[in-house]
Amino acid sequence: MGFLSSYISKAGYWVPALFLFVFAMLANSAAQDTVLRVDVKLVSVFVNVTDRNGAVVGGLTRDDFHVSEDGRPQEISVFERQSELPLNLTLAIDTSGSVKKDMGEEADAARRFAHTILRPQDQMSLLQFATDVSQLTPFTNKLSLIDKGLSRLKSDFATSLYDAIYVGSEGLGPKDGRKVLVLVSDGGDTASQTTYKKALEMALRNEVIIYSVIDVPIAASAGRELGGEHALIALAEQTGGKSFYVSDGGLDQAFKRVSDDLRTQYLIGYYPHNQEPGRQFHRLQVTVPRAAAESFNIRHKTGYYVDALAGANRP
């Protein structure tokens, strides 16, 4: 009985202690699990590949591509030859005085473009910009509403191009799937409250691809805004889109090229690993190693902001 009493007495001391020790170990293990369980978001990159003559290069496979982030190789987790993701497209039309004469033709060509490109899962919104930026049609897949919006184009004097990019990108941000902003303008900007840099950042943060349909006066015209044209070209290049001149075949042909480009995109996705710490903006490079560097023209966004992935949806 003395032995049992002694044992119980000792047990009364070390059993709680053992319980606390085990509890602490489990808590520490859970804490370590919490630290190690990182929620890595998928980075989606839409890629267009053409040859040196501008012809689309189809038939490439996952193994043909190499992706790097800040110079560090990444493993491709998602690959699609033609994305079936919904297309969210904002068409922003310049209605300032410098392009007033072309408004009727732009509206007709935009109407045909909408009727051609939209599938049941797609949506389009319509903006006009001059002195101010205004929405004529919210996102919809009803062609009658888009047609109605295009019939309400109204001219004004000044041009707020960068404001239109900012507003359009912000509106596309919450959407799922592909996000595309098509700009129809001569590139002039005389009234924006924002800047080129901020407009580009807003597009990249919201993973928006910009296509520029450039409608300019005659090449020798004193009214031609070369700086604005270069800005439209650069905005498209930085976001993975492309620019087209109306003078090269007309508005219908320019819109057709936008449509064709969107239909021939590869979708590449990866989960970042071995990231360089402390970076807010990560630079991307996509290559096709088996081909000579000058054989293919590979277009994609130049990079992404870390916080832009917070609300991103995985395909």
C-alpha atoms as a PDB file:
ATOM      1  CA  MET A   1       0.000   0.000   0.000  1.00  0.00           C
ATOM      2  CA  GLY A   2       2.903   2.322   0.748  1.00  0.00           C
ATOM      3  CA  PHE A   3       4.357   1.619  -2.688  1.00  0.00           C
ATOM      4  CA  LEU A   4       0.995   2.324  -4.409  1.00  0.00           C
ATOM      5  CA  SER A   5       0.527   5.520  -2.429  1.00  0.00           C
ATOM      6  CA  SER A   6       4.037   6.599  -3.361  1.00  0.00           C
ATOM      7  CA  TYR A   7       3.418   5.758  -7.031  1.00  0.00           C
ATOM      8  CA  ILE A   8       0.113   7.677  -7.127  1.00  0.00           C
ATOM      9  CA  SER A   9       1.758  10.612  -5.407  1.00  0.00           C
ATOM     10  CA  LYS A  10       4.566  10.690  -7.962  1.00  0.00           C
ATOM     11  CA  ALA A  11       2.107  10.146 -10.810  1.00  0.00           C
ATOM     12  CA  GLY A  12       0.068  13.062  -9.543  1.00  0.00           C
ATOM     13  CA  TYR A  13       3.131  15.197 -10.080  1.00  0.00           C
ATOM     14  CA  TRP A  14       4.493  14.031 -13.432  1.00  0.00           C
ATOM     15  CA  VAL A  15       1.288  13.124 -15.307  1.00  0.00           C
ATOM     16  CA  PRO A  16       0.188  16.782 -15.558  1.00  0.00           C
ATOM     17  CA  ALA A  17       3.751  17.698 -16.422  1.00  0.00           C
ATOM     18  CA  LEU A  18       3.806  15.073 -19.185  1.00  0.00           C
ATOM     19  CA  PHE A  19       0.474  16.343 -20.458  1.00  0.00           C
ATOM     20  CA  LEU A  20       1.804  19.891 -20.644  1.00  0.00           C
ATOM     21  CA  PHE A  21       4.947  18.698 -22.418  1.00  0.00           C
ATOM     22  CA  VAL A  22       2.952  16.752 -25.045  1.00  0.00           C
ATOM     23  CA  PHE A  23       0.566  19.673 -25.487  1.00  0.00           C
ATOM     24  CA  ALA A  24       3.482  22.052 -26.025  1.00  0.00           C
ATOM     25  CA  MET A  25       5.049  19.715 -28.588  1.00  0.00           C
ATOM     26  CA  LEU A  26       1.773  19.443 -30.506  1.00  0.00           C
ATOM     27  CA  ALA A  27       1.273  23.191 -30.430  1.00  0.00           C
ATOM     28  CA  ASN A  28       4.809  23.735 -31.667  1.00  0.00           C
ATOM     29  CA  SER A  29       4.268  21.197 -34.443  1.00  0.00           C
ATOM     30  CA  ALA A  30       1.028  22.935 -35.457  1.00  0.00           C
ATOM     31  CA  ALA A  31       2.837  26.256 -35.497  1.00  0.00           C
ATOM     32  CA  GLN A  32       5.538  24.819 -37.722  1.00  0.00           C
ATOM     33  CA  ASP A  33       2.878  23.402 -40.029  1.00  0.00           C
ATOM     34  CA  THR A  34       1.289  26.845 -40.207  1.00  0.00           C
ATOM     35  CA  VAL A  35       4.565  28.452 -41.160  1.00  0.00           C
ATOM     36  CA  LEU A  36       5.374  25.844 -43.798  1.00  0.00           C
ATOM     37  CA  ARG A  37       1.904  25.728 -45.350  1.00  0.00           C
ATOM     38  CA  VAL A  38       2.244  28.599 -47.855  1.00  0.00           C
ATOM     39  CA  ASP A  39      -0.720  29.435 -50.074  1.00  0.00           C
ATOM     40  CA  VAL A  40       1.054  29.805 -53.416  1.00  0.00           C
ATOM     41  CA  LYS A  41      -1.094  31.330 -56.146  1.00  0.00           C
ATOM     42  CA  LEU A  42      -1.033  30.232 -59.760  1.00  0.00           C
ATOM     43  CA  VAL A  43       0.549  32.702 -62.173  1.00  0.00           C
ATOM     44  CA  SER A  44      -1.260  32.669 -65.531  1.00  0.00           C
ATOM     45  CA  VAL A  45       0.512  33.882 -68.659  1.00  0.00           C
ATOM     46  CA  PHE A  46      -1.182  34.210 -72.047  1.00  0.00           C
ATOM     47  CA  VAL A  47       1.337  33.750 -74.839  1.00  0.00           C
ATOM     48  CA  ASN A  48       1.213  34.397 -78.589  1.00  0.00           C
ATOM     49  CA  VAL A  49       3.858  32.901 -80.875  1.00  0.00           C
ATOM     50  CA  THR A  50       4.427  33.954 -84.483  1.00  0.00           C
ATOM     51  CA  ASP A  51       7.223  33.261 -86.953  1.00  0.00           C
ATOM     52  CA  ARG A  52       9.445  35.893 -88.560  1.00  0.00           C
ATOM     53  CA  ASN A  53       6.778  36.466 -91.242  1.00  0.00           C
ATOM     54  CA  GLY A  54       4.044  37.073 -88.663  1.00  0.00           C
ATOM     55  CA  ALA A  55       2.287  33.742 -89.166  1.00  0.00           C
ATOM     56  CA  VAL A  56       0.827  32.071 -86.079  1.00  0.00           C
ATOM     57  CA  VAL A  57       2.897  29.151 -84.757  1.00  0.00           C
ATOM     58  CA  GLY A  58       0.447  26.499 -83.631  1.00  0.00           C
ATOM     59  CA  GLY A  59       0.951  22.965 -82.398  1.00  0.00           C
ATOM     60  CA  LEU A  60       3.487  23.766 -79.693  1.00  0.00           C
ATOM     61  CA  THR A  61       3.365  21.630 -76.554  1.00  0.00           C
ATOM     62  CA  ARG A  62       4.104  22.207 -72.886  1.00  0.00           C
ATOM     63  CA  ASP A  63       7.581  20.753 -73.404  1.00  0.00           C
ATOM     64  CA  ASP A  64       8.387  23.334 -76.069  1.00  0.00           C
ATOM     65  CA  PHE A  65       8.132  26.230 -73.600  1.00  0.00           C
ATOM     66  CA  HIS A  66      10.455  27.412 -70.873  1.00  0.00           C
ATOM     67  CA  VAL A  67       9.298  29.917 -68.238  1.00  0.00           C
ATOM     68  CA  SER A  68      11.481  31.898 -65.866  1.00  0.00           C
ATOM     69  CA  GLU A  69      10.630  34.438 -63.185  1.00  0.00           C
ATOM     70  CA  ASP A  70      13.306  37.002 -62.350  1.00  0.00           C
ATOM     71  CA  GLY A  71      15.732  34.696 -64.164  1.00  0.00           C
ATOM     72  CA  ARG A  72      14.751  31.628 -62.104  1.00  0.00           C
ATOM     73  CA  PRO A  73      13.297  28.606 -63.967  1.00  0.00           C
ATOM     74  CA  GLN A  74       9.715  27.625 -63.182  1.00  0.00           C
ATOM     75  CA  GLU A  75       7.798  24.381 -63.717  1.00  0.00           C
ATOM     76  CA  ILE A  76       4.752  24.660 -65.972  1.00  0.00           C
ATOM     77  CA  SER A  77       1.661  23.287 -64.190  1.00  0.00           C
ATOM     78  CA  VAL A  78      -1.095  24.388 -66.592  1.00  0.00           C
ATOM     79  CA  PHE A  79      -0.967  24.386 -70.379  1.00  0.00           C
ATOM     80  CA  GLU A  80      -3.697  24.971 -72.951  1.00  0.00           C
ATOM     81  CA  ARG A  81      -3.306  25.519 -76.685  1.00  0.00           C
ATOM     82  CA  GLN A  82      -6.487  27.544 -76.958  1.00  0.00           C
ATOM     83  CA  SER A  83      -7.987  28.883 -73.780  1.00  0.00           C
ATOM     84  CA  GLU A  84     -11.662  28.252 -73.162  1.00  0.00           C
ATOM     85  CA  LEU A  85     -11.642  30.690 -70.250  1.00  0.00           C
ATOM     86  CA  PRO A  86     -14.330  33.389 -70.448  1.00  0.00           C
ATOM     87  CA  LEU A  87     -13.292  36.515 -72.311  1.00  0.00           C
ATOM     88  CA  ASN A  88     -13.993  39.809 -70.546  1.00  0.00           C
ATOM     89  CA  LEU A  89     -13.416  42.617 -73.007  1.00  0.00           C
ATOM     90  CA  THR A  90     -13.721  46.354 -72.561  1.00  0.00           C
ATOM     91  CA  LEU A  91     -13.840  48.383 -75.759  1.00  0.00           C
ATOM     92  CA  ALA A  92     -12.729  51.988 -75.154  1.00  0.00           C
ATOM     93  CA  ILE A  93     -13.317  54.408 -78.031  1.00  0.00           C
ATOM     94  CA  ASP A  94     -11.711  57.833 -78.351  1.00  0.00           C
ATOM     95  CA  THR A  95     -14.417  60.399 -79.172  1.00  0.00           C
ATOM     96  CA  SER A  96     -12.263  63.535 -78.925  1.00  0.00           C
ATOM     97  CA  GLY A  97     -12.174  66.208 -81.598  1.00  0.00           C
ATOM     98  CA  SER A  98      -9.114  64.765 -83.319  1.00  0.00           C
ATOM     99  CA  VAL A  99     -10.983  61.590 -84.325  1.00  0.00           C
ATOM    100  CA  LYS A 100     -14.521  62.985 -84.573  1.00  0.00           C
ATOM    101  CA  LYS A 101     -14.676  62.478 -88.326  1.00  0.00           C
ATOM    102  CA  ASP A 102     -14.203  58.712 -87.911  1.00  0.00           C
ATOM    103  CA  MET A 103     -16.775  58.114 -85.149  1.00  0.00           C
ATOM    104  CA  GLY A 104     -19.494  56.723 -87.383  1.00  0.00           C
ATOM    105  CA  GLU A 105     -17.118  54.317 -89.071  1.00  0.00           C
ATOM    106  CA  GLU A 106     -15.649  53.282 -85.699  1.00  0.00           C
ATOM    107  CA  ALA A 107     -19.105  52.529 -84.302  1.00  0.00           C
ATOM    108  CA  ASP A 108     -20.035  50.373 -87.297  1.00  0.00           C
ATOM    109  CA  ALA A 109     -16.754  48.432 -87.219  1.00  0.00           C
ATOM    110  CA  ALA A 110     -16.970  47.977 -83.427  1.00  0.00           C
ATOM    111  CA  ARG A 111     -20.489  46.608 -83.812  1.00  0.00           C
ATOM    112  CA  ARG A 112     -19.315  44.015 -86.321  1.00  0.00           C
ATOM    113  CA  PHE A 113     -16.372  43.150 -84.066  1.00  0.00           C
ATOM    114  CA  ALA A 114     -18.650  42.536 -81.073  1.00  0.00           C
ATOM    115  CA  HIS A 115     -21.001  40.343 -83.080  1.00  0.00           C
ATOM    116  CA  THR A 116     -18.055  38.260 -84.299  1.00  0.00           C
ATOM    117  CA  ILE A 117     -15.987  37.758 -81.163  1.00  0.00           C
ATOM    118  CA  LEU A 118     -18.475  37.212 -78.325  1.00  0.00           C
ATOM    119  CA  ARG A 119     -19.305  33.643 -77.275  1.00  0.00           C
ATOM    120  CA  PRO A 120     -22.068  32.763 -74.761  1.00  0.00           C
ATOM    121  CA  GLN A 121     -19.553  32.713 -71.874  1.00  0.00           C
ATOM    122  CA  ASP A 122     -17.983  36.069 -72.824  1.00  0.00           C
ATOM    123  CA  GLN A 123     -18.864  39.622 -71.783  1.00  0.00           C
ATOM    124  CA  MET A 124     -18.115  43.059 -73.168  1.00  0.00           C
ATOM    125  CA  SER A 125     -18.367  46.578 -71.769  1.00  0.00           C
ATOM    126  CA  LEU A 126     -18.147  49.847 -73.676  1.00  0.00           C
ATOM    127  CA  LEU A 127     -16.365  53.077 -72.705  1.00  0.00           C
ATOM    128  CA  GLN A 128     -16.021  56.355 -74.527  1.00  0.00           C
ATOM    129  CA  PHE A 129     -13.369  58.890 -73.625  1.00  0.00           C
ATOM    130  CA  ALA A 130     -12.766  62.500 -74.549  1.00  0.00           C
ATOM    131  CA  THR A 131     -12.594  65.215 -71.885  1.00  0.00           C
ATOM    132  CA  ASP A 132     -14.028  62.620 -69.467  1.00  0.00           C
ATOM    133  CA  VAL A 133     -14.374  58.846 -69.416  1.00  0.00           C
ATOM    134  CA  SER A 134     -17.905  57.457 -69.393  1.00  0.00           C
ATOM    135  CA  GLN A 135     -19.367  53.975 -69.510  1.00  0.00           C
ATOM    136  CA  LEU A 136     -21.943  53.484 -72.238  1.00  0.00           C
ATOM    137  CA  THR A 137     -22.605  49.794 -71.601  1.00  0.00           C
ATOM    138  CA  PRO A 138     -21.741  47.719 -68.503  1.00  0.00           C
ATOM    139  CA  PHE A 139     -20.471  44.154 -68.926  1.00  0.00           C
ATOM    140  CA  THR A 140     -22.990  42.106 -70.879  1.00  0.00           C
ATOM    141  CA  ASN A 141     -23.212  39.399 -73.522  1.00  0.00           C
ATOM    142  CA  LYS A 142     -26.369  40.901 -75.003  1.00  0.00           C
ATOM    143  CA  LEU A 143     -25.431  42.286 -78.392  1.00  0.00           C
ATOM    144  CA  SER A 144     -28.492  44.533 -78.472  1.00  0.00           C
ATOM    145  CA  LEU A 145     -27.175  46.452 -75.448  1.00  0.00           C
ATOM    146  CA  ILE A 146     -23.738  46.815 -77.007  1.00  0.00           C
ATOM    147  CA  ASP A 147     -25.308  48.092 -80.239  1.00  0.00           C
ATOM    148  CA  LYS A 148     -27.349  50.580 -78.230  1.00  0.00           C
ATOM    149  CA  GLY A 149     -24.238  51.827 -76.445  1.00  0.00           C
ATOM    150  CA  LEU A 150     -22.368  52.301 -79.725  1.00  0.00           C
ATOM    151  CA  SER A 151     -25.234  54.428 -81.036  1.00  0.00           C
ATOM    152  CA  ARG A 152     -24.681  56.862 -78.131  1.00  0.00           C
ATOM    153  CA  LEU A 153     -21.088  57.871 -78.917  1.00  0.00           C
ATOM    154  CA  LYS A 154     -20.682  61.603 -78.364  1.00  0.00           C
ATOM    155  CA  SER A 155     -17.741  63.805 -79.271  1.00  0.00           C
ATOM    156  CA  ASP A 156     -15.958  66.319 -77.039  1.00  0.00           C
ATOM    157  CA  PHE A 157     -12.799  68.418 -77.298  1.00  0.00           C
ATOM    158  CA  ALA A 158     -10.022  67.011 -75.091  1.00  0.00           C
ATOM    159  CA  THR A 159      -8.645  63.464 -74.663  1.00  0.00           C
ATOM    160  CA  SER A 160      -8.254  61.428 -71.462  1.00  0.00           C
ATOM    161  CA  LEU A 161      -6.508  58.341 -72.829  1.00  0.00           C
ATOM    162  CA  TYR A 162      -4.610  57.342 -69.681  1.00  0.00           C
ATOM    163  CA  ASP A 163      -7.713  57.862 -67.538  1.00  0.00           C
ATOM    164  CA  ALA A 164      -9.574  55.488 -69.871  1.00  0.00           C
ATOM    165  CA  ILE A 165      -6.879  52.825 -69.454  1.00  0.00           C
ATOM    166  CA  TYR A 166      -6.962  53.259 -65.676  1.00  0.00           C
ATOM    167  CA  VAL A 167     -10.768  53.092 -65.479  1.00  0.00           C
ATOM    168  CA  GLY A 168     -11.017  50.225 -67.959  1.00  0.00           C
ATOM    169  CA  SER A 169      -8.373  48.145 -66.163  1.00  0.00           C
ATOM    170  CA  GLU A 170      -9.975  48.795 -62.792  1.00  0.00           C
ATOM    171  CA  GLY A 171     -13.331  47.607 -64.109  1.00  0.00           C
ATOM    172  CA  LEU A 172     -11.813  44.433 -65.568  1.00  0.00           C
ATOM    173  CA  GLY A 173      -9.903  43.616 -62.373  1.00  0.00           C
ATOM    174  CA  PRO A 174     -12.571  41.606 -60.481  1.00  0.00           C
ATOM    175  CA  LYS A 175     -13.486  39.511 -63.528  1.00  0.00           C
ATOM    176  CA  ASP A 176     -12.566  35.842 -63.926  1.00  0.00           C
ATOM    177  CA  GLY A 177     -10.827  34.538 -67.045  1.00  0.00           C
ATOM    178  CA  ARG A 178      -9.096  36.595 -69.713  1.00  0.00           C
ATOM    179  CA  LYS A 179      -9.231  40.357 -69.300  1.00  0.00           C
ATOM    180  CA  VAL A 180      -8.755  42.447 -72.422  1.00  0.00           C
ATOM    181  CA  LEU A 181      -8.879  46.195 -73.058  1.00  0.00           C
ATOM    182  CA  VAL A 182      -9.183  47.273 -76.689  1.00  0.00           C
ATOM    183  CA  LEU A 183      -8.340  50.940 -77.262  1.00  0.00           C
ATOM    184  CA  VAL A 184      -9.359  52.831 -80.398  1.00  0.00           C
ATOM    185  CA  SER A 185      -7.474  56.130 -80.467  1.00  0.00           C
ATOM    186  CA  ASP A 186      -4.887  58.292 -82.214  1.00  0.00           C
ATOM    187  CA  GLY A 187      -2.825  58.271 -79.006  1.00  0.00           C
ATOM    188  CA  GLY A 188      -3.260  61.897 -78.010  1.00  0.00           C
ATOM    189  CA  ASP A 189      -3.757  62.742 -74.330  1.00  0.00           C
ATOM    190  CA  THR A 190      -4.579  66.251 -73.223  1.00  0.00           C
ATOM    191  CA  ALA A 191      -6.821  65.912 -70.172  1.00  0.00           C
ATOM    192  CA  SER A 192      -5.944  62.826 -68.088  1.00  0.00           C
ATOM    193  CA  GLN A 193      -5.691  63.082 -64.327  1.00  0.00           C
ATOM    194  CA  THR A 194      -3.425  60.041 -64.230  1.00  0.00           C
ATOM    195  CA  THR A 195      -0.129  59.270 -65.987  1.00  0.00           C
ATOM    196  CA  TYR A 196       1.172  56.711 -68.454  1.00  0.00           C
ATOM    197  CA  LYS A 197       3.092  54.974 -65.648  1.00  0.00           C
ATOM    198  CA  LYS A 198       0.060  54.694 -63.360  1.00  0.00           C
ATOM    199  CA  ALA A 199      -2.186  53.546 -66.207  1.00  0.00           C
ATOM    200  CA  LEU A 200       0.284  50.787 -67.125  1.00  0.00           C
ATOM    201  CA  GLU A 201       0.624  49.742 -63.480  1.00  0.00           C
ATOM    202  CA  MET A 202      -3.153  49.496 -63.119  1.00  0.00           C
ATOM    203  CA  ALA A 203      -3.314  47.284 -66.228  1.00  0.00           C
ATOM    204  CA  LEU A 204      -0.543  44.978 -64.972  1.00  0.00           C
ATOM    205  CA  ARG A 205      -1.963  44.788 -61.439  1.00  0.00           C
ATOM    206  CA  ASN A 206      -5.298  43.674 -62.852  1.00  0.00           C
ATOM    207  CA  GLU A 207      -3.722  41.309 -65.416  1.00  0.00           C
ATOM    208  CA  VAL A 208      -5.245  43.191 -68.334  1.00  0.00           C
ATOM    209  CA  ILE A 209      -4.034  42.629 -71.905  1.00  0.00           C
ATOM    210  CA  ILE A 210      -4.158  45.819 -73.987  1.00  0.00           C
ATOM    211  CA  TYR A 211      -4.759  45.926 -77.745  1.00  0.00           C
ATOM    212  CA  SER A 212      -4.305  49.289 -79.436  1.00  0.00           C
ATOM    213  CA  VAL A 213      -6.178  50.108 -82.633  1.00  0.00           C
ATOM    214  CA  ILE A 214      -4.363  53.248 -83.769  1.00  0.00           C
ATOM    215  CA  ASP A 215      -6.364  55.659 -85.909  1.00  0.00           C
ATOM    216  CA  VAL A 216      -4.036  58.447 -87.042  1.00  0.00           C
ATOM    217  CA  PRO A 217      -4.111  61.264 -89.594  1.00  0.00           C
ATOM    218  CA  ILE A 218      -2.057  61.057 -92.785  1.00  0.00           C
ATOM    219  CA  ALA A 219       1.560  60.237 -91.978  1.00  0.00           C
ATOM    220  CA  ALA A 220       2.820  63.675 -92.973  1.00  0.00           C
ATOM    221  CA  SER A 221       0.088  65.531 -91.072  1.00  0.00           C
ATOM    222  CA  ALA A 222       1.214  68.153 -88.563  1.00  0.00           C
ATOM    223  CA  GLY A 223      -1.545  66.940 -86.244  1.00  0.00           C
ATOM    224  CA  ARG A 224      -0.100  63.471 -85.882  1.00  0.00           C
ATOM    225  CA  GLU A 225       0.689  62.586 -82.245  1.00  0.00           C
ATOM    226  CA  LEU A 226       3.803  60.420 -82.551  1.00  0.00           C
ATOM    227  CA  GLY A 227       4.434  60.344 -78.791  1.00  0.00           C
ATOM    228  CA  GLY A 228       0.901  59.090 -78.205  1.00  0.00           C
ATOM    229  CA  GLU A 229       1.247  56.437 -80.893  1.00  0.00           C
ATOM    230  CA  HIS A 230       4.424  55.164 -79.260  1.00  0.00           C
ATOM    231  CA  ALA A 231       2.620  55.075 -75.904  1.00  0.00           C
ATOM    232  CA  LEU A 232      -0.171  52.933 -77.366  1.00  0.00           C
ATOM    233  CA  ILE A 233       2.373  50.555 -78.875  1.00  0.00           C
ATOM    234  CA  ALA A 234       4.346  50.311 -75.619  1.00  0.00           C
ATOM    235  CA  LEU A 235       1.213  49.714 -73.508  1.00  0.00           C
ATOM    236  CA  ALA A 236       0.270  46.785 -75.752  1.00  0.00           C
ATOM    237  CA  GLU A 237       3.779  45.318 -75.670  1.00  0.00           C
ATOM    238  CA  GLN A 238       4.121  45.588 -71.880  1.00  0.00           C
ATOM    239  CA  THR A 239       0.824  43.796 -71.218  1.00  0.00           C
ATOM    240  CA  GLY A 240       1.193  41.039 -73.829  1.00  0.00           C
ATOM    241  CA  GLY A 241      -1.149  42.544 -76.403  1.00  0.00           C
ATOM    242  CA  LYS A 242      -0.484  44.066 -79.796  1.00  0.00           C
ATOM    243  CA  SER A 243      -1.068  47.273 -81.751  1.00  0.00           C
ATOM    244  CA  PHE A 244      -2.615  47.660 -85.186  1.00  0.00           C
ATOM    245  CA  TYR A 245      -2.882  50.682 -87.468  1.00  0.00           C
ATOM    246  CA  VAL A 246      -6.241  51.470 -89.068  1.00  0.00           C
ATOM    247  CA  SER A 247      -4.323  52.717 -92.119  1.00  0.00           C
ATOM    248  CA  ASP A 248      -3.144  49.142 -92.710  1.00  0.00           C
ATOM    249  CA  GLY A 249      -6.340  47.673 -94.157  1.00  0.00           C
ATOM    250  CA  GLY A 250      -9.043  49.630 -92.329  1.00  0.00           C
ATOM    251  CA  LEU A 251     -10.923  49.295 -89.042  1.00  0.00           C
ATOM    252  CA  ASP A 252     -12.561  45.968 -89.842  1.00  0.00           C
ATOM    253  CA  GLN A 253      -9.189  44.436 -90.623  1.00  0.00           C
ATOM    254  CA  ALA A 254      -7.681  45.853 -87.413  1.00  0.00           C
ATOM    255  CA  PHE A 255     -10.506  44.401 -85.312  1.00  0.00           C
ATOM    256  CA  LYS A 256     -10.183  41.066 -87.138  1.00  0.00           C
ATOM    257  CA  ARG A 257      -6.496  40.948 -86.215  1.00  0.00           C
ATOM    258  CA  VAL A 258      -7.380  41.541 -82.568  1.00  0.00           C
ATOM    259  CA  SER A 259      -9.928  38.720 -82.740  1.00  0.00           C
ATOM    260  CA  ASP A 260      -7.473  36.343 -84.441  1.00  0.00           C
ATOM    261  CA  ASP A 261      -4.785  37.137 -81.881  1.00  0.00           C
ATOM    262  CA  LEU A 262      -7.115  36.329 -78.988  1.00  0.00           C
ATOM    263  CA  ARG A 263      -8.076  33.019 -80.587  1.00  0.00           C
ATOM    264  CA  THR A 264      -4.466  31.846 -80.928  1.00  0.00           C
ATOM    265  CA  GLN A 265      -3.217  32.344 -77.381  1.00  0.00           C
ATOM    266  CA  TYR A 266      -1.456  29.654 -75.404  1.00  0.00           C
ATOM    267  CA  LEU A 267      -2.232  29.618 -71.691  1.00  0.00           C
ATOM    268  CA  ILE A 268       0.706  28.780 -69.438  1.00  0.00           C
ATOM    269  CA  GLY A 269       0.386  28.570 -65.657  1.00  0.00           C
ATOM    270  CA  TYR A 270       2.889  27.895 -62.897  1.00  0.00           C
ATOM    271  CA  TYR A 271       3.161  28.012 -59.119  1.00  0.00           C
ATOM    272  CA  PRO A 272       6.158  30.242 -58.263  1.00  0.00           C
ATOM    273  CA  HIS A 273       9.014  28.617 -56.391  1.00  0.00           C
ATOM    274  CA  ASN A 274      12.446  29.816 -55.381  1.00  0.00           C
ATOM    275  CA  GLN A 275      11.147  33.379 -55.562  1.00  0.00           C
ATOM    276  CA  GLU A 276      13.452  36.292 -55.005  1.00  0.00           C
ATOM    277  CA  PRO A 277      12.313  37.748 -51.656  1.00  0.00           C
ATOM    278  CA  GLY A 278      11.274  41.346 -51.242  1.00  0.00           C
ATOM    279  CA  ARG A 279      10.121  41.930 -54.799  1.00  0.00           C
ATOM    280  CA  GLN A 280       6.713  43.482 -55.435  1.00  0.00           C
ATOM    281  CA  PHE A 281       6.998  43.081 -59.215  1.00  0.00           C
ATOM    282  CA  HIS A 282       8.261  39.850 -60.756  1.00  0.00           C
ATOM    283  CA  ARG A 283       9.574  39.857 -64.335  1.00  0.00           C
ATOM    284  CA  LEU A 284       8.650  37.007 -66.666  1.00  0.00           C
ATOM    285  CA  GLN A 285      10.352  35.466 -69.656  1.00  0.00           C
ATOM    286  CA  VAL A 286       8.872  32.801 -71.904  1.00  0.00           C
ATOM    287  CA  THR A 287      11.024  31.125 -74.547  1.00  0.00           C
ATOM    288  CA  VAL A 288      10.925  28.197 -76.974  1.00  0.00           C
ATOM    289  CA  PRO A 289      14.419  26.755 -76.451  1.00  0.00           C
ATOM    290  CA  ARG A 290      14.395  24.419 -79.445  1.00  0.00           C
ATOM    291  CA  ALA A 291      14.060  27.345 -81.867  1.00  0.00           C
ATOM    292  CA  ALA A 292      16.645  29.951 -82.707  1.00  0.00           C
ATOM    293  CA  ALA A 293      16.017  33.208 -80.860  1.00  0.00           C
ATOM    294  CA  GLU A 294      15.198  35.088 -84.067  1.00  0.00           C
ATOM    295  CA  SER A 295      12.841  32.388 -85.415  1.00  0.00           C
ATOM    296  CA  PHE A 296       9.848  33.189 -83.239  1.00  0.00           C
ATOM    297  CA  ASN A 297       8.266  36.337 -81.888  1.00  0.00           C
ATOM    298  CA  ILE A 298       6.917  35.445 -78.433  1.00  0.00           C
ATOM    299  CA  ARG A 299       4.546  37.927 -76.794  1.00  0.00           C
ATOM    300  CA  HIS A 300       3.373  37.926 -73.193  1.00  0.00           C
ATOM    301  CA  LYS A 301       3.052  40.313 -70.268  1.00  0.00           C
ATOM    302  CA  THR A 302       6.371  41.538 -68.911  1.00  0.00           C
ATOM    303  CA  GLY A 303       5.583  40.559 -65.324  1.00  0.00           C
ATOM    304  CA  TYR A 304       3.117  40.734 -62.462  1.00  0.00           C
ATOM    305  CA  TYR A 305       2.635  42.407 -59.097  1.00  0.00           C
ATOM    306  CA  VAL A 306       2.557  40.129 -56.050  1.00  0.00           C
ATOM    307  CA  ASP A 307      -0.644  41.602 -54.637  1.00  0.00           C
ATOM    308  CA  ALA A 308      -2.371  41.171 -57.981  1.00  0.00           C
ATOM    309  CA  LEU A 309      -2.593  37.424 -57.292  1.00  0.00           C
ATOM    310  CA  ALA A 310      -4.596  37.887 -54.105  1.00  0.00           C
ATOM    311  CA  GLY A 311      -7.915  37.833 -55.933  1.00  0.00           C
ATOM    312  CA  ALA A 312      -6.804  35.762 -58.904  1.00  0.00           C
ATOM    313  CA  ASN A 313      -8.773  32.649 -59.780  1.00  0.00           C
ATOM    314  CA  ARG A 314      -7.089  29.506 -60.950  1.00  0.00           C
ATOM    315  CA  PRO A 315      -8.129  28.166 -64.344  1.00  0.00           C
END
